[in-house]
Every structure is written in structure tokens, then in C-alpha cells.
Protein backbone atom coordinates (compact mmCIF):
# COMPACT_ATOMS: atom_id res chain seq x y z
CA UNK A 1 6.40 -47.73 -37.22
CA UNK A 2 7.19 -49.80 -40.07
CA UNK A 3 4.63 -50.53 -42.66
CA UNK A 4 4.34 -53.92 -44.02
CA UNK A 5 2.01 -56.26 -46.08
CA UNK A 6 1.96 -59.91 -45.24
CA UNK A 7 1.01 -62.04 -48.47
CA UNK A 8 -0.31 -65.46 -47.79
CA UNK A 9 -0.14 -67.34 -50.96
CA UNK A 10 -2.34 -70.25 -49.69
CA UNK A 11 -5.32 -67.90 -49.59
CA UNK A 12 -4.68 -66.30 -52.87
CA UNK A 13 -7.45 -67.49 -55.36
CA UNK A 14 -6.26 -65.37 -58.42
CA UNK A 15 -9.44 -63.30 -58.63
CA UNK A 16 -7.12 -60.23 -59.55
CA UNK A 17 -8.96 -57.78 -57.35
CA UNK A 18 -5.68 -56.43 -56.07
CA UNK A 19 -4.29 -56.00 -59.70
CA UNK A 20 -7.35 -54.24 -60.82
CA UNK A 21 -7.66 -51.84 -57.96
CA UNK A 22 -3.95 -50.92 -58.21
CA UNK A 23 -4.55 -50.08 -62.04
CA UNK A 24 -7.71 -47.92 -60.91
CA UNK A 25 -5.67 -46.14 -58.27
CA UNK A 26 -2.45 -45.27 -60.30
CA UNK A 27 -3.30 -45.56 -64.25
CA UNK A 28 -3.79 -41.99 -65.44
CA UNK A 29 -3.10 -40.49 -62.15
CA UNK A 30 0.20 -38.92 -61.02
CA UNK A 31 0.74 -39.20 -57.24
CA UNK A 32 3.17 -37.24 -54.82
CA UNK A 33 5.62 -40.34 -54.95
CA UNK A 34 5.16 -41.44 -58.57
CA UNK A 35 4.09 -40.75 -62.20
CA UNK A 36 1.03 -42.33 -63.55
CA UNK A 37 1.27 -45.97 -63.98
CA UNK A 38 1.07 -47.04 -67.68
CA UNK A 39 -2.02 -48.99 -68.60
CA UNK A 40 0.07 -51.80 -70.35
CA UNK A 41 3.31 -53.26 -69.51
CA UNK A 42 3.51 -52.44 -65.85
CA UNK A 43 2.16 -54.60 -62.92
CA UNK A 44 2.89 -52.97 -59.59
CA UNK A 45 1.13 -56.03 -58.04
CA UNK A 46 0.49 -59.20 -60.14
CA UNK A 47 -0.44 -62.64 -59.81
CA UNK A 48 2.28 -65.08 -61.09
CA UNK A 49 0.67 -68.31 -61.75
CA UNK A 50 2.55 -71.63 -62.27
CA UNK A 51 1.16 -74.95 -63.23
CA UNK A 52 2.79 -77.83 -61.12
CA UNK A 53 2.98 -81.43 -61.32
CA UNK A 54 4.77 -83.82 -63.73
CA UNK A 55 1.68 -86.00 -64.41
CA UNK A 56 -1.85 -85.38 -65.81
CA UNK A 57 -3.23 -87.42 -62.76
CA UNK A 58 -1.94 -84.64 -60.13
CA UNK A 59 -1.58 -81.09 -61.45
CA UNK A 60 -2.36 -77.85 -59.92
CA UNK A 61 -1.78 -74.06 -60.17
CA UNK A 62 0.13 -72.02 -57.53
CA UNK A 63 -0.64 -68.41 -57.48
CA UNK A 64 1.72 -65.80 -55.91
CA UNK A 65 0.91 -62.15 -55.55
CA UNK A 66 4.07 -60.13 -56.49
CA UNK A 67 4.88 -56.67 -55.63
CA UNK A 68 7.87 -54.73 -54.49
CA UNK A 69 9.11 -56.15 -51.17
CA UNK A 70 10.26 -52.79 -50.03
CA UNK A 71 13.62 -54.45 -48.72
CA UNK A 72 15.47 -53.29 -45.58
CA UNK A 73 18.76 -52.96 -47.62
CA UNK A 74 17.24 -52.24 -51.11
CA UNK A 75 19.32 -53.38 -54.23
CA UNK A 76 17.50 -50.58 -56.14
CA UNK A 77 18.66 -47.89 -53.77
CA UNK A 78 22.29 -49.14 -54.02
CA UNK A 79 21.98 -48.88 -57.94
CA UNK A 80 20.73 -45.47 -57.75
CA UNK A 81 22.31 -42.01 -58.12
CA UNK A 82 21.67 -38.62 -56.68
CA UNK A 83 18.85 -39.66 -54.25
CA UNK A 84 16.57 -41.19 -56.97
CA UNK A 85 15.70 -44.12 -54.54
CA UNK A 86 15.23 -43.54 -50.91
CA UNK A 87 13.59 -45.37 -48.02
CA UNK A 88 11.04 -43.56 -45.86
CA UNK A 89 11.08 -43.65 -41.94
CA UNK A 90 8.10 -46.17 -42.20
CA UNK A 91 10.19 -48.49 -44.48
CA UNK A 92 8.37 -47.70 -47.51
CA UNK A 93 10.87 -47.76 -50.43
CA UNK A 94 10.17 -44.92 -53.05
CA UNK A 95 11.66 -44.05 -56.53
CA UNK A 96 11.72 -40.28 -57.02
CA UNK A 97 9.86 -39.97 -60.68
CA UNK A 98 12.09 -36.86 -61.49
CA UNK A 99 15.42 -37.78 -59.95
CA UNK A 100 15.47 -41.11 -61.47
CA UNK A 101 14.87 -40.05 -65.13
CA UNK A 102 17.27 -42.23 -67.24
CA UNK A 103 18.47 -44.44 -64.44
CA UNK A 104 17.45 -47.90 -66.17
CA UNK A 105 19.88 -49.64 -63.59
CA UNK A 106 17.35 -49.30 -60.99
CA UNK A 107 15.23 -51.52 -62.86
CA UNK A 108 18.00 -53.99 -63.52
CA UNK A 109 19.08 -54.23 -59.87
CA UNK A 110 15.54 -55.59 -58.59
CA UNK A 111 15.98 -59.32 -57.75
CA UNK A 112 12.27 -59.96 -58.25
CA UNK A 113 11.68 -57.89 -61.36
CA UNK A 114 9.09 -55.75 -59.44
CA UNK A 115 10.56 -52.54 -61.02
CA UNK A 116 9.49 -51.46 -64.51
CA UNK A 117 10.71 -49.07 -67.09
CA UNK A 118 8.57 -46.45 -68.55
CA UNK A 119 9.92 -45.84 -71.99
CA UNK A 120 7.79 -42.58 -72.62
CA UNK A 121 9.11 -40.90 -69.42
CA UNK A 122 12.45 -42.89 -69.30
CA UNK A 123 11.88 -43.35 -65.58
CA UNK A 124 11.92 -46.67 -63.48
CA UNK A 125 8.35 -47.08 -61.51
CA UNK A 126 6.87 -49.72 -58.92
CA UNK A 127 4.55 -50.10 -56.02
CA UNK A 128 4.57 -47.27 -53.52
CA UNK A 129 2.51 -49.06 -51.02
CA UNK A 130 -0.12 -46.33 -51.71
CA UNK A 131 1.92 -44.18 -49.66
CA UNK A 132 0.14 -40.98 -50.73
CA UNK A 133 -3.02 -42.45 -49.32
CA UNK A 134 -1.49 -43.51 -46.05
CA UNK A 135 -0.18 -39.90 -45.79
CA UNK A 136 -3.63 -38.44 -46.54
CA UNK A 137 -5.58 -37.55 -43.38
CA UNK A 138 -8.65 -37.08 -45.52
CA UNK A 139 -8.51 -40.59 -47.15
CA UNK A 140 -11.50 -42.61 -46.23
CA UNK A 141 -10.02 -45.52 -44.62
CA UNK A 142 -11.80 -49.08 -44.65
CA UNK A 143 -14.96 -48.76 -42.68
CA UNK A 144 -14.12 -45.39 -41.75
CA UNK A 145 -11.60 -46.28 -39.04
CA UNK A 146 -8.31 -44.59 -39.36
CA UNK A 147 -6.66 -47.25 -37.65
CA UNK A 148 -7.55 -49.52 -40.79
CA UNK A 149 -6.28 -47.25 -43.35
CA UNK A 150 -4.47 -49.58 -45.75
CA UNK A 151 -3.15 -49.72 -49.29
CA UNK A 152 -5.90 -50.29 -52.17
CA UNK A 153 -4.66 -53.85 -52.92
CA UNK A 154 -5.16 -54.96 -49.15
CA UNK A 155 -8.49 -53.21 -48.89
CA UNK A 156 -9.64 -55.07 -52.18
CA UNK A 157 -8.60 -58.74 -51.24
CA UNK A 158 -11.89 -60.51 -50.55
CA UNK A 159 -9.93 -63.55 -48.99
CA UNK A 160 -7.54 -61.61 -46.67
CA UNK A 161 -4.59 -63.04 -48.47
CA UNK A 162 -3.19 -59.56 -47.84
CA UNK A 163 -2.56 -58.07 -44.49
CA UNK A 164 -1.31 -54.54 -43.82
CA UNK A 165 0.00 -53.25 -40.61
CA UNK A 166 2.96 -52.09 -38.32
CA UNK A 167 5.71 -54.64 -38.29
CA UNK A 168 7.21 -52.91 -35.39
CA UNK A 169 4.17 -53.70 -33.19
CA UNK A 170 4.48 -57.24 -31.99
CA UNK A 171 0.69 -57.27 -31.23
CA UNK A 172 -0.30 -56.13 -34.60
CA UNK A 173 -2.62 -58.28 -36.65
CA UNK A 174 0.05 -58.50 -39.31
CA UNK A 175 2.47 -59.89 -36.87
CA UNK A 176 -0.02 -62.40 -35.65
CA UNK A 177 -0.84 -63.34 -39.22
CA UNK A 178 2.79 -63.86 -39.95
CA UNK A 179 3.38 -65.99 -36.88
CA UNK A 180 0.51 -68.22 -37.94
CA UNK A 181 2.05 -69.06 -41.31
CA UNK A 182 5.50 -70.23 -42.72
CA UNK A 183 7.65 -67.37 -44.13
CA UNK A 184 8.98 -68.20 -47.54
CA UNK A 185 10.99 -65.51 -49.02
CA UNK A 186 10.94 -64.89 -52.81
CA UNK A 187 13.60 -66.14 -55.05
CA UNK A 188 16.55 -63.86 -54.83
CA UNK A 189 15.59 -62.41 -51.52
CA UNK A 190 16.76 -65.24 -49.25
CA UNK A 191 18.29 -63.76 -46.24
CA UNK A 192 16.99 -60.20 -46.92
CA UNK A 193 14.72 -58.52 -44.30
CA UNK A 194 11.73 -57.18 -46.19
CA UNK A 195 8.66 -55.13 -45.34
CA UNK A 196 6.58 -57.29 -47.72
CA UNK A 197 6.61 -60.78 -46.27
CA UNK A 198 5.64 -63.77 -48.52
CA UNK A 199 4.07 -66.74 -46.47
CA UNK A 200 3.36 -70.29 -47.50
CA UNK A 201 4.98 -70.27 -51.04
CA UNK A 202 4.66 -73.88 -52.17
CA UNK A 203 8.03 -75.80 -52.45
CA UNK A 204 7.57 -79.37 -53.62
CA UNK A 205 4.80 -81.95 -53.51
CA UNK A 206 4.80 -85.61 -53.76
CA UNK A 207 1.39 -87.66 -54.60
CA UNK A 208 0.24 -90.95 -55.44
CA UNK A 209 -2.99 -93.41 -55.62
CA UNK A 210 -3.09 -96.41 -53.60
CA UNK A 211 -5.34 -99.48 -55.04
CA UNK A 212 -6.51 -102.58 -53.47
CA UNK A 213 -5.41 -105.70 -55.40
CA UNK A 214 -6.22 -105.61 -59.13
CA UNK A 215 -8.60 -108.15 -58.97
CA UNK A 216 -10.84 -105.95 -56.56
CA UNK A 217 -10.96 -102.78 -58.73
CA UNK A 218 -11.09 -100.58 -55.75
CA UNK A 219 -9.06 -97.88 -54.23
CA UNK A 220 -7.70 -98.06 -50.64
CA UNK A 221 -9.31 -95.46 -48.43
CA UNK A 222 -7.51 -94.70 -45.35
CA UNK A 223 -4.02 -96.21 -46.11
CA UNK A 224 -1.31 -94.88 -44.22
CA UNK A 225 1.43 -92.91 -46.05
CA UNK A 226 4.50 -92.10 -44.18
CA UNK A 227 7.29 -89.97 -45.94
CA UNK A 228 10.75 -89.86 -44.19
CA UNK A 229 13.72 -87.78 -45.49
CA UNK A 230 16.64 -90.08 -46.15
CA UNK A 231 19.07 -87.41 -45.06
CA UNK A 232 17.43 -85.79 -41.78
CA UNK A 233 14.93 -88.39 -40.76
CA UNK A 234 12.07 -85.69 -40.78
CA UNK A 235 8.65 -87.46 -41.07
CA UNK A 236 5.57 -86.42 -42.91
CA UNK A 237 2.48 -88.56 -42.57
CA UNK A 238 -0.88 -88.49 -44.42
CA UNK A 239 -3.74 -91.03 -45.35
CA UNK A 240 -5.38 -91.73 -48.83
CA UNK A 241 -8.71 -90.06 -49.25
CA UNK A 242 -11.86 -91.29 -50.61
CA UNK A 243 -10.53 -91.77 -54.13
CA UNK A 244 -7.35 -93.60 -52.69
CA UNK A 245 -5.27 -90.43 -53.36
CA UNK A 246 -2.55 -89.16 -51.09
CA UNK A 247 -0.56 -86.02 -51.13
CA UNK A 248 2.21 -84.28 -49.02
CA UNK A 249 2.89 -80.51 -49.78
CA UNK A 250 5.73 -78.43 -48.60
CA UNK A 251 8.56 -80.84 -48.88
CA UNK A 252 12.11 -79.60 -49.02
CA UNK A 253 13.66 -79.20 -52.38
CA UNK A 254 16.10 -81.65 -53.91
CA UNK A 255 16.14 -84.27 -51.28
CA UNK A 256 15.66 -88.09 -51.28
CA UNK A 257 12.46 -89.33 -49.62
CA UNK A 258 11.41 -92.64 -48.44
CA UNK A 259 7.83 -93.60 -48.75
CA UNK A 260 6.04 -96.24 -46.74
CA UNK A 261 2.47 -97.23 -47.36
CA UNK A 262 0.65 -99.46 -44.90
CA UNK A 263 -2.95 -100.89 -44.90
CA UNK A 264 -4.41 -103.38 -42.42
CA UNK A 265 -4.26 -106.72 -44.02
CA UNK A 266 -1.92 -106.05 -46.84
CA UNK A 267 1.77 -106.00 -47.35
CA UNK A 268 3.70 -102.98 -46.65
CA UNK A 269 4.82 -101.03 -49.81
CA UNK A 270 8.08 -99.19 -50.00
CA UNK A 271 8.87 -96.45 -52.64
CA UNK A 272 11.32 -93.58 -53.00
CA UNK A 273 11.43 -90.40 -54.73
CA UNK A 274 13.66 -87.19 -54.95
CA UNK A 275 12.10 -83.88 -54.56
CA UNK A 276 13.62 -82.18 -57.44
CA UNK A 277 10.18 -81.25 -58.71
CA UNK A 278 6.72 -81.99 -57.89
CA UNK A 279 6.10 -85.75 -58.45
CA UNK A 280 3.06 -87.97 -58.99
CA UNK A 281 5.14 -90.93 -57.51
CA UNK A 282 3.02 -94.06 -58.43
CA UNK A 283 -0.26 -96.07 -58.72
CA UNK A 284 0.32 -98.65 -56.11
CA UNK A 285 -1.46 -101.88 -56.06
CA UNK A 286 -1.47 -103.66 -52.65
CA UNK A 287 -1.02 -107.37 -52.04
CA UNK A 288 -2.99 -109.40 -49.36
CA UNK A 289 -0.77 -110.88 -46.65
């Protein structure tokens, strides 16, 4: 048994239900595995929001639920002393609220900033994956089914952006969920095996708008847009929508991309861009053949 949470950022709608129930469960209540979470200054699960786009013509916000990744080889454990951090047999990483007193190095060691310092108690604190609830035989699981017992944040997510389960069971819902997405490790955890698995974190998008000739004052609907990596020749294809807009998401970072736009009866347009960041590439006006 290895408990885990799969986090699909594409499904997160920043409703903050997970954040709220985490506060409800842990603020003011000391559990078996932690002291009470302070109301302010700690976010055992948080929604990180970032505005994307380099033009007012195409901007959007990415939302990433962020919590302790419960790493296979935890940096916080390596930085601790006297058994202050330990990993349970089910993979959950715990900071002992008594043994960790004064060990601020545990906070500094976390590569994702998921460990917080309690100034009043002088201890580091973080997500416990609601281990005390998972251990409690009297805890009323979701719909009363003990097989569906899960952390509070997972229970509260209305969009199923968070899935809990046994990562060691190849037939579990969580493993099916992970297989259907694209695993995208958090920055700082590349190459690290974690029990919290992030999926579909955005990388870079390129976008633009295609118009028919200037004199027509109309957008080109259904124009073919083909993106090709100048290095690997990998191809991405899309079409312009009803507003003449096109967008390709999930491109590799810091790569040169060739862009080809075709539309029946009009000259082919060739553009180029580099995926150093999200770009609105161009407003493209077609010319009749």
C-alpha cells in the first residue's frame, strides 16, 4: 500500500474548496501527527495562480494546487535530526511536532516551499495527507464506503481534480487517472519519485489570429495552423476558431518553432517563434492567390 494523490491542474478551477476544508480540519485542532495549523501564514494545500501571456489579446491564468509531495527520497528527512521527519510504510511523510522543535532546516530543505515554520511553537509544519483520518476506523468515509476513505481536500474537490488511492495497485482509480494525463513534476522535483503526482501543468502556448485580406474585414475561420519544432521536427496542428483565433498549448520550453498557416485560395504564411515564454505571435492577414 502506497497512498498518493494525483493532481490534475487542467481540472482545477481555483474554487479553493480544498484550501478551505484543510483549514477546517487542521486549524485549532492538534492531531496525532501534527500540532494545530495556524489560521494565517500556512497553506498545507494552496492554489498557486499565475497569469500567462505576453499580450492583452491572449492572456489566461494557470492554477496549480500545491501541497507536500510526500517524496520517495524526502529532502526534509535528510535535513532533519533525531527522527524529526519520517516516512510511514504507506509513503506518507510526517514531521514529528515534538522532535522537530527548533529545526528550521527542515523548512529550508523543501524544494517546493510546502513546509512552513510555526514561529510560536518553533516547529516546521506541513500537509499530513490527513493521516489521522486515514488511520481512524471510525472516520466516516465518503458515501460511507471505507474503500473511498480519503483526505479532506480530495473529498471536497467538486471537479475531481484531486484523486486519492493506492499507487501500488495498478488497477486503482488513481493509476488510471495518472495514465490518462501527462505527468508534469513541480519545479525542483524533476527526476524525483513522489506520492503526490501533478498532471498537465502548463508549459508554453503560442497563439495568434488569422484574418482574410484587410479589405474584407473578416477573420479566417478554419484556417490550418501547423507548428513544427525546428530541432526535433515534432508537429502540432490546429485550426482557427469562429473568431479567427488559434492556440497550441503544452509546447516544449525554449525551443524554436516554425509556424505555417494555410487557407484555401490564399497564399501560405510562414512565421517563427521561440517558446521562451507564452507568446501571442501575430495578427496575420492573408493574401489571395
